[in-house]
């Protein structure tokens, strides 16, 4: 007998998506040398903090955007604009009632340094702006690898639904990645003698209080 015609679904629902948004800064070529110097200058005067950084990786305090340095503030403006773009999917009336607080820090990874697997608690979006990414013949040098947050998803054995436990991406200087803060990730070793420099950040989103609640009674 003739097989039945395949029936198309009425719609497809993406049940648990974890979007990774990639932006590119058209002004990065001009910004890069000034931003590299600002990052290295802060490294010279601050011992940094210990977070996910290992193997000589330097992590600045997370108050980077309080600096008055023009290059840092230019990078902050670009990041802020990208976060607003990432929130465009929200209903307009809801987005208009939200306040976004942004804080960031510098990661400088010399040769062989890594960032161990981690996520970013107490935030909505996290991300990374890539200031300097050394060219390398090593295909595993300086990748950011995202880990599948769905427990047990890689146990599916069907060749048509082959879930991978991770997604590795090779960033380019001037790119910015934004992703949900729950998404665990890590950075593979930098194989090159040149520093790999990035600005990581968290975005917290709070609902504004209604004007009537914010105005004291007389």
C-alpha atoms as a PDB file:
ATOM      1  CA  UNK A   1       0.000   0.000   0.000  1.00  0.00           C
ATOM      2  CA  UNK A   2       1.015   3.590  -0.588  1.00  0.00           C
ATOM      3  CA  UNK A   3       2.454   5.193   2.586  1.00  0.00           C
ATOM      4  CA  UNK A   4       0.440   7.985   4.115  1.00  0.00           C
ATOM      5  CA  UNK A   5       1.546  11.525   3.346  1.00  0.00           C
ATOM      6  CA  UNK A   6       3.599  13.096   6.113  1.00  0.00           C
ATOM      7  CA  UNK A   7       1.573  15.534   8.187  1.00  0.00           C
ATOM      8  CA  UNK A   8       3.234  18.846   8.962  1.00  0.00           C
ATOM      9  CA  UNK A   9       2.974  20.142  12.539  1.00  0.00           C
ATOM     10  CA  UNK A  10       0.649  23.054  13.127  1.00  0.00           C
ATOM     11  CA  UNK A  11       3.488  24.806  14.964  1.00  0.00           C
ATOM     12  CA  UNK A  12       6.773  24.026  16.679  1.00  0.00           C
ATOM     13  CA  UNK A  13       7.362  25.124  20.256  1.00  0.00           C
ATOM     14  CA  UNK A  14      10.958  25.632  21.362  1.00  0.00           C
ATOM     15  CA  UNK A  15      10.460  24.388  24.900  1.00  0.00           C
ATOM     16  CA  UNK A  16      13.754  25.199  26.638  1.00  0.00           C
ATOM     17  CA  UNK A  17      15.889  27.385  24.366  1.00  0.00           C
ATOM     18  CA  UNK A  18      19.197  28.887  25.520  1.00  0.00           C
ATOM     19  CA  UNK A  19      19.921  31.649  23.016  1.00  0.00           C
ATOM     20  CA  UNK A  20      23.438  32.948  22.429  1.00  0.00           C
ATOM     21  CA  UNK A  21      23.369  36.326  20.695  1.00  0.00           C
ATOM     22  CA  UNK A  22      26.443  37.506  18.773  1.00  0.00           C
ATOM     23  CA  UNK A  23      27.048  41.199  18.067  1.00  0.00           C
ATOM     24  CA  UNK A  24      29.948  42.936  16.309  1.00  0.00           C
ATOM     25  CA  UNK A  25      31.293  46.376  17.112  1.00  0.00           C
ATOM     26  CA  UNK A  26      32.005  48.315  13.875  1.00  0.00           C
ATOM     27  CA  UNK A  27      34.149  50.777  15.849  1.00  0.00           C
ATOM     28  CA  UNK A  28      36.412  48.132  17.397  1.00  0.00           C
ATOM     29  CA  UNK A  29      39.462  48.785  15.182  1.00  0.00           C
ATOM     30  CA  UNK A  30      39.674  52.338  16.538  1.00  0.00           C
ATOM     31  CA  UNK A  31      38.750  51.336  20.087  1.00  0.00           C
ATOM     32  CA  UNK A  32      40.989  48.281  20.428  1.00  0.00           C
ATOM     33  CA  UNK A  33      44.425  49.840  21.174  1.00  0.00           C
ATOM     34  CA  UNK A  34      42.992  52.278  23.718  1.00  0.00           C
ATOM     35  CA  UNK A  35      40.966  49.537  25.392  1.00  0.00           C
ATOM     36  CA  UNK A  36      43.916  47.130  25.497  1.00  0.00           C
ATOM     37  CA  UNK A  37      46.014  49.810  27.224  1.00  0.00           C
ATOM     38  CA  UNK A  38      43.224  50.572  29.705  1.00  0.00           C
ATOM     39  CA  UNK A  39      42.909  46.858  30.574  1.00  0.00           C
ATOM     40  CA  UNK A  40      46.657  46.350  30.953  1.00  0.00           C
ATOM     41  CA  UNK A  41      47.002  49.531  33.031  1.00  0.00           C
ATOM     42  CA  UNK A  42      44.381  48.283  35.478  1.00  0.00           C
ATOM     43  CA  UNK A  43      46.152  44.934  35.646  1.00  0.00           C
ATOM     44  CA  UNK A  44      49.437  46.647  36.525  1.00  0.00           C
ATOM     45  CA  UNK A  45      47.959  48.484  39.499  1.00  0.00           C
ATOM     46  CA  UNK A  46      45.466  45.925  40.833  1.00  0.00           C
ATOM     47  CA  UNK A  47      46.246  42.350  41.986  1.00  0.00           C
ATOM     48  CA  UNK A  48      42.810  41.202  40.840  1.00  0.00           C
ATOM     49  CA  UNK A  49      40.491  38.624  42.388  1.00  0.00           C
ATOM     50  CA  UNK A  50      40.085  34.849  42.225  1.00  0.00           C
ATOM     51  CA  UNK A  51      36.943  33.610  40.475  1.00  0.00           C
ATOM     52  CA  UNK A  52      36.971  31.136  37.566  1.00  0.00           C
ATOM     53  CA  UNK A  53      40.482  32.206  36.503  1.00  0.00           C
ATOM     54  CA  UNK A  54      43.246  29.575  36.580  1.00  0.00           C
ATOM     55  CA  UNK A  55      46.770  29.117  35.263  1.00  0.00           C
ATOM     56  CA  UNK A  56      47.801  32.761  35.489  1.00  0.00           C
ATOM     57  CA  UNK A  57      44.529  34.250  34.266  1.00  0.00           C
ATOM     58  CA  UNK A  58      43.877  37.718  35.764  1.00  0.00           C
ATOM     59  CA  UNK A  59      40.359  38.768  36.819  1.00  0.00           C
ATOM     60  CA  UNK A  60      39.759  42.402  37.749  1.00  0.00           C
ATOM     61  CA  UNK A  61      37.290  43.533  40.422  1.00  0.00           C
ATOM     62  CA  UNK A  62      33.731  43.709  39.071  1.00  0.00           C
ATOM     63  CA  UNK A  63      33.398  47.506  39.217  1.00  0.00           C
ATOM     64  CA  UNK A  64      35.068  48.101  35.836  1.00  0.00           C
ATOM     65  CA  UNK A  65      32.342  50.381  34.509  1.00  0.00           C
ATOM     66  CA  UNK A  66      32.885  52.881  37.314  1.00  0.00           C
ATOM     67  CA  UNK A  67      36.200  53.850  35.686  1.00  0.00           C
ATOM     68  CA  UNK A  68      36.175  57.209  33.913  1.00  0.00           C
ATOM     69  CA  UNK A  69      38.531  55.989  31.182  1.00  0.00           C
ATOM     70  CA  UNK A  70      36.991  57.021  27.810  1.00  0.00           C
ATOM     71  CA  UNK A  71      37.758  53.664  26.163  1.00  0.00           C
ATOM     72  CA  UNK A  72      36.096  51.740  28.985  1.00  0.00           C
ATOM     73  CA  UNK A  73      33.038  54.002  28.835  1.00  0.00           C
ATOM     74  CA  UNK A  74      32.841  53.609  25.038  1.00  0.00           C
ATOM     75  CA  UNK A  75      32.884  49.813  25.464  1.00  0.00           C
ATOM     76  CA  UNK A  76      30.236  50.107  28.174  1.00  0.00           C
ATOM     77  CA  UNK A  77      27.982  52.094  25.845  1.00  0.00           C
ATOM     78  CA  UNK A  78      28.278  49.437  23.145  1.00  0.00           C
ATOM     79  CA  UNK A  79      27.517  46.658  25.639  1.00  0.00           C
ATOM     80  CA  UNK A  80      24.509  48.573  26.995  1.00  0.00           C
ATOM     81  CA  UNK A  81      23.118  49.016  23.469  1.00  0.00           C
ATOM     82  CA  UNK A  82      23.536  45.298  22.764  1.00  0.00           C
ATOM     83  CA  UNK A  83      21.723  44.356  25.979  1.00  0.00           C
ATOM     84  CA  UNK A  84      18.846  46.596  24.948  1.00  0.00           C
ATOM     85  CA  UNK A  85      18.833  44.798  21.597  1.00  0.00           C
ATOM     86  CA  UNK A  86      18.764  41.444  23.360  1.00  0.00           C
ATOM     87  CA  UNK A  87      15.667  42.558  25.289  1.00  0.00           C
ATOM     88  CA  UNK A  88      13.757  43.618  22.169  1.00  0.00           C
ATOM     89  CA  UNK A  89      11.722  40.416  22.310  1.00  0.00           C
ATOM     90  CA  UNK A  90      10.024  41.581  25.491  1.00  0.00           C
ATOM     91  CA  UNK A  91       6.627  43.230  25.267  1.00  0.00           C
ATOM     92  CA  UNK A  92       7.170  46.970  24.914  1.00  0.00           C
ATOM     93  CA  UNK A  93       5.177  47.914  28.000  1.00  0.00           C
ATOM     94  CA  UNK A  94       7.137  45.425  30.106  1.00  0.00           C
ATOM     95  CA  UNK A  95      10.541  46.473  28.738  1.00  0.00           C
ATOM     96  CA  UNK A  96       9.700  50.118  29.438  1.00  0.00           C
ATOM     97  CA  UNK A  97       9.095  49.305  33.102  1.00  0.00           C
ATOM     98  CA  UNK A  98      12.461  47.626  33.632  1.00  0.00           C
ATOM     99  CA  UNK A  99      15.749  48.969  34.972  1.00  0.00           C
ATOM    100  CA  UNK A 100      18.953  47.266  33.859  1.00  0.00           C
ATOM    101  CA  UNK A 101      21.985  47.429  36.143  1.00  0.00           C
ATOM    102  CA  UNK A 102      25.263  46.449  34.532  1.00  0.00           C
ATOM    103  CA  UNK A 103      28.547  45.463  36.134  1.00  0.00           C
ATOM    104  CA  UNK A 104      31.643  44.080  34.482  1.00  0.00           C
ATOM    105  CA  UNK A 105      35.235  43.001  34.850  1.00  0.00           C
ATOM    106  CA  UNK A 106      38.306  42.238  32.750  1.00  0.00           C
ATOM    107  CA  UNK A 107      39.710  38.786  32.044  1.00  0.00           C
ATOM    108  CA  UNK A 108      43.300  38.621  30.785  1.00  0.00           C
ATOM    109  CA  UNK A 109      44.476  35.135  29.896  1.00  0.00           C
ATOM    110  CA  UNK A 110      48.201  34.789  29.159  1.00  0.00           C
ATOM    111  CA  UNK A 111      49.570  31.660  27.523  1.00  0.00           C
ATOM    112  CA  UNK A 112      48.115  28.405  28.967  1.00  0.00           C
ATOM    113  CA  UNK A 113      45.604  30.222  31.197  1.00  0.00           C
ATOM    114  CA  UNK A 114      41.952  29.125  31.355  1.00  0.00           C
ATOM    115  CA  UNK A 115      38.637  29.951  32.980  1.00  0.00           C
ATOM    116  CA  UNK A 116      37.088  26.897  34.625  1.00  0.00           C
ATOM    117  CA  UNK A 117      33.392  25.977  34.120  1.00  0.00           C
ATOM    118  CA  UNK A 118      31.021  28.409  35.832  1.00  0.00           C
ATOM    119  CA  UNK A 119      27.797  30.342  35.455  1.00  0.00           C
ATOM    120  CA  UNK A 120      26.735  33.793  36.660  1.00  0.00           C
ATOM    121  CA  UNK A 121      24.186  33.707  39.519  1.00  0.00           C
ATOM    122  CA  UNK A 122      21.703  36.464  40.347  1.00  0.00           C
ATOM    123  CA  UNK A 123      21.592  37.923  36.813  1.00  0.00           C
ATOM    124  CA  UNK A 124      19.337  37.733  33.767  1.00  0.00           C
ATOM    125  CA  UNK A 125      21.903  38.101  30.988  1.00  0.00           C
ATOM    126  CA  UNK A 126      25.663  37.645  31.016  1.00  0.00           C
ATOM    127  CA  UNK A 127      28.142  38.171  28.260  1.00  0.00           C
ATOM    128  CA  UNK A 128      31.624  38.852  27.035  1.00  0.00           C
ATOM    129  CA  UNK A 129      33.127  41.532  24.806  1.00  0.00           C
ATOM    130  CA  UNK A 130      36.323  40.342  23.112  1.00  0.00           C
ATOM    131  CA  UNK A 131      39.000  43.028  23.174  1.00  0.00           C
ATOM    132  CA  UNK A 132      41.963  40.967  21.933  1.00  0.00           C
ATOM    133  CA  UNK A 133      41.911  37.369  20.663  1.00  0.00           C
ATOM    134  CA  UNK A 134      45.294  35.992  19.509  1.00  0.00           C
ATOM    135  CA  UNK A 135      45.349  34.243  16.137  1.00  0.00           C
ATOM    136  CA  UNK A 136      46.320  30.612  16.572  1.00  0.00           C
ATOM    137  CA  UNK A 137      46.917  27.486  14.492  1.00  0.00           C
ATOM    138  CA  UNK A 138      45.640  25.474  17.462  1.00  0.00           C
ATOM    139  CA  UNK A 139      41.904  24.879  16.843  1.00  0.00           C
ATOM    140  CA  UNK A 140      41.279  24.562  20.595  1.00  0.00           C
ATOM    141  CA  UNK A 141      43.002  27.785  21.655  1.00  0.00           C
ATOM    142  CA  UNK A 142      40.884  30.333  23.528  1.00  0.00           C
ATOM    143  CA  UNK A 143      37.451  28.896  22.743  1.00  0.00           C
ATOM    144  CA  UNK A 144      34.406  29.610  24.858  1.00  0.00           C
ATOM    145  CA  UNK A 145      32.501  26.373  25.379  1.00  0.00           C
ATOM    146  CA  UNK A 146      28.898  26.351  26.591  1.00  0.00           C
ATOM    147  CA  UNK A 147      27.619  23.280  28.460  1.00  0.00           C
ATOM    148  CA  UNK A 148      24.148  21.847  27.849  1.00  0.00           C
ATOM    149  CA  UNK A 149      22.031  22.740  30.917  1.00  0.00           C
ATOM    150  CA  UNK A 150      19.470  19.972  30.248  1.00  0.00           C
ATOM    151  CA  UNK A 151      20.341  17.106  32.573  1.00  0.00           C
ATOM    152  CA  UNK A 152      20.374  13.808  30.696  1.00  0.00           C
ATOM    153  CA  UNK A 153      19.781  15.297  27.223  1.00  0.00           C
ATOM    154  CA  UNK A 154      22.891  13.583  25.848  1.00  0.00           C
ATOM    155  CA  UNK A 155      21.463  10.167  26.784  1.00  0.00           C
ATOM    156  CA  UNK A 156      19.212  10.184  23.667  1.00  0.00           C
ATOM    157  CA  UNK A 157      20.696   7.659  21.238  1.00  0.00           C
ATOM    158  CA  UNK A 158      18.674   8.410  18.077  1.00  0.00           C
ATOM    159  CA  UNK A 159      20.899   9.536  15.163  1.00  0.00           C
ATOM    160  CA  UNK A 160      18.163  12.027  14.254  1.00  0.00           C
ATOM    161  CA  UNK A 161      18.164  13.626  17.704  1.00  0.00           C
ATOM    162  CA  UNK A 162      21.844  13.614  18.535  1.00  0.00           C
ATOM    163  CA  UNK A 163      22.204  16.048  21.415  1.00  0.00           C
ATOM    164  CA  UNK A 164      25.713  17.282  22.020  1.00  0.00           C
ATOM    165  CA  UNK A 165      26.808  17.979  25.592  1.00  0.00           C
ATOM    166  CA  UNK A 166      28.505  21.261  24.679  1.00  0.00           C
ATOM    167  CA  UNK A 167      28.867  23.969  22.057  1.00  0.00           C
ATOM    168  CA  UNK A 168      32.301  25.517  21.450  1.00  0.00           C
ATOM    169  CA  UNK A 169      32.619  28.897  19.730  1.00  0.00           C
ATOM    170  CA  UNK A 170      35.702  30.786  18.573  1.00  0.00           C
ATOM    171  CA  UNK A 171      35.248  34.504  19.246  1.00  0.00           C
ATOM    172  CA  UNK A 172      36.798  37.265  17.189  1.00  0.00           C
ATOM    173  CA  UNK A 173      38.078  40.594  18.469  1.00  0.00           C
ATOM    174  CA  UNK A 174      35.244  43.114  18.422  1.00  0.00           C
ATOM    175  CA  UNK A 175      32.518  40.522  18.911  1.00  0.00           C
ATOM    176  CA  UNK A 176      30.188  40.450  21.891  1.00  0.00           C
ATOM    177  CA  UNK A 177      28.304  37.362  23.092  1.00  0.00           C
ATOM    178  CA  UNK A 178      25.185  37.632  25.272  1.00  0.00           C
ATOM    179  CA  UNK A 179      23.576  34.562  26.838  1.00  0.00           C
ATOM    180  CA  UNK A 180      21.314  33.570  29.756  1.00  0.00           C
ATOM    181  CA  UNK A 181      23.248  33.755  33.009  1.00  0.00           C
ATOM    182  CA  UNK A 182      22.365  30.177  33.974  1.00  0.00           C
ATOM    183  CA  UNK A 183      24.292  28.797  30.989  1.00  0.00           C
ATOM    184  CA  UNK A 184      27.518  27.225  32.260  1.00  0.00           C
ATOM    185  CA  UNK A 185      30.628  27.850  30.183  1.00  0.00           C
ATOM    186  CA  UNK A 186      34.409  27.767  30.322  1.00  0.00           C
ATOM    187  CA  UNK A 187      37.395  29.040  28.315  1.00  0.00           C
ATOM    188  CA  UNK A 188      39.965  26.679  26.826  1.00  0.00           C
ATOM    189  CA  UNK A 189      43.713  27.356  27.290  1.00  0.00           C
ATOM    190  CA  UNK A 190      45.259  30.200  25.327  1.00  0.00           C
ATOM    191  CA  UNK A 191      47.944  28.518  23.224  1.00  0.00           C
ATOM    192  CA  UNK A 192      49.646  31.767  22.222  1.00  0.00           C
ATOM    193  CA  UNK A 193      52.156  34.070  24.015  1.00  0.00           C
ATOM    194  CA  UNK A 194      49.915  37.092  23.306  1.00  0.00           C
ATOM    195  CA  UNK A 195      47.305  37.882  25.983  1.00  0.00           C
ATOM    196  CA  UNK A 196      43.663  37.032  25.342  1.00  0.00           C
ATOM    197  CA  UNK A 197      41.663  39.990  26.722  1.00  0.00           C
ATOM    198  CA  UNK A 198      37.930  40.186  27.262  1.00  0.00           C
ATOM    199  CA  UNK A 199      35.394  42.193  29.234  1.00  0.00           C
ATOM    200  CA  UNK A 200      32.778  40.022  30.929  1.00  0.00           C
ATOM    201  CA  UNK A 201      29.595  41.426  32.415  1.00  0.00           C
ATOM    202  CA  UNK A 202      26.302  40.658  34.134  1.00  0.00           C
ATOM    203  CA  UNK A 203      23.007  42.449  33.580  1.00  0.00           C
ATOM    204  CA  UNK A 204      20.463  42.464  36.380  1.00  0.00           C
ATOM    205  CA  UNK A 205      16.923  43.513  35.499  1.00  0.00           C
ATOM    206  CA  UNK A 206      14.515  44.960  38.060  1.00  0.00           C
ATOM    207  CA  UNK A 207      10.964  46.218  37.681  1.00  0.00           C
ATOM    208  CA  UNK A 208      10.564  49.940  38.323  1.00  0.00           C
ATOM    209  CA  UNK A 209       8.250  50.849  41.157  1.00  0.00           C
ATOM    210  CA  UNK A 210       5.037  52.538  40.135  1.00  0.00           C
ATOM    211  CA  UNK A 211       5.201  56.322  40.477  1.00  0.00           C
ATOM    212  CA  UNK A 212       2.421  56.272  43.035  1.00  0.00           C
ATOM    213  CA  UNK A 213       4.395  53.864  45.204  1.00  0.00           C
ATOM    214  CA  UNK A 214       7.622  55.791  44.753  1.00  0.00           C
ATOM    215  CA  UNK A 215       6.121  59.172  45.685  1.00  0.00           C
ATOM    216  CA  UNK A 216       5.863  59.791  49.449  1.00  0.00           C
ATOM    217  CA  UNK A 217       2.479  60.722  50.804  1.00  0.00           C
ATOM    218  CA  UNK A 218       1.897  64.294  52.065  1.00  0.00           C
END
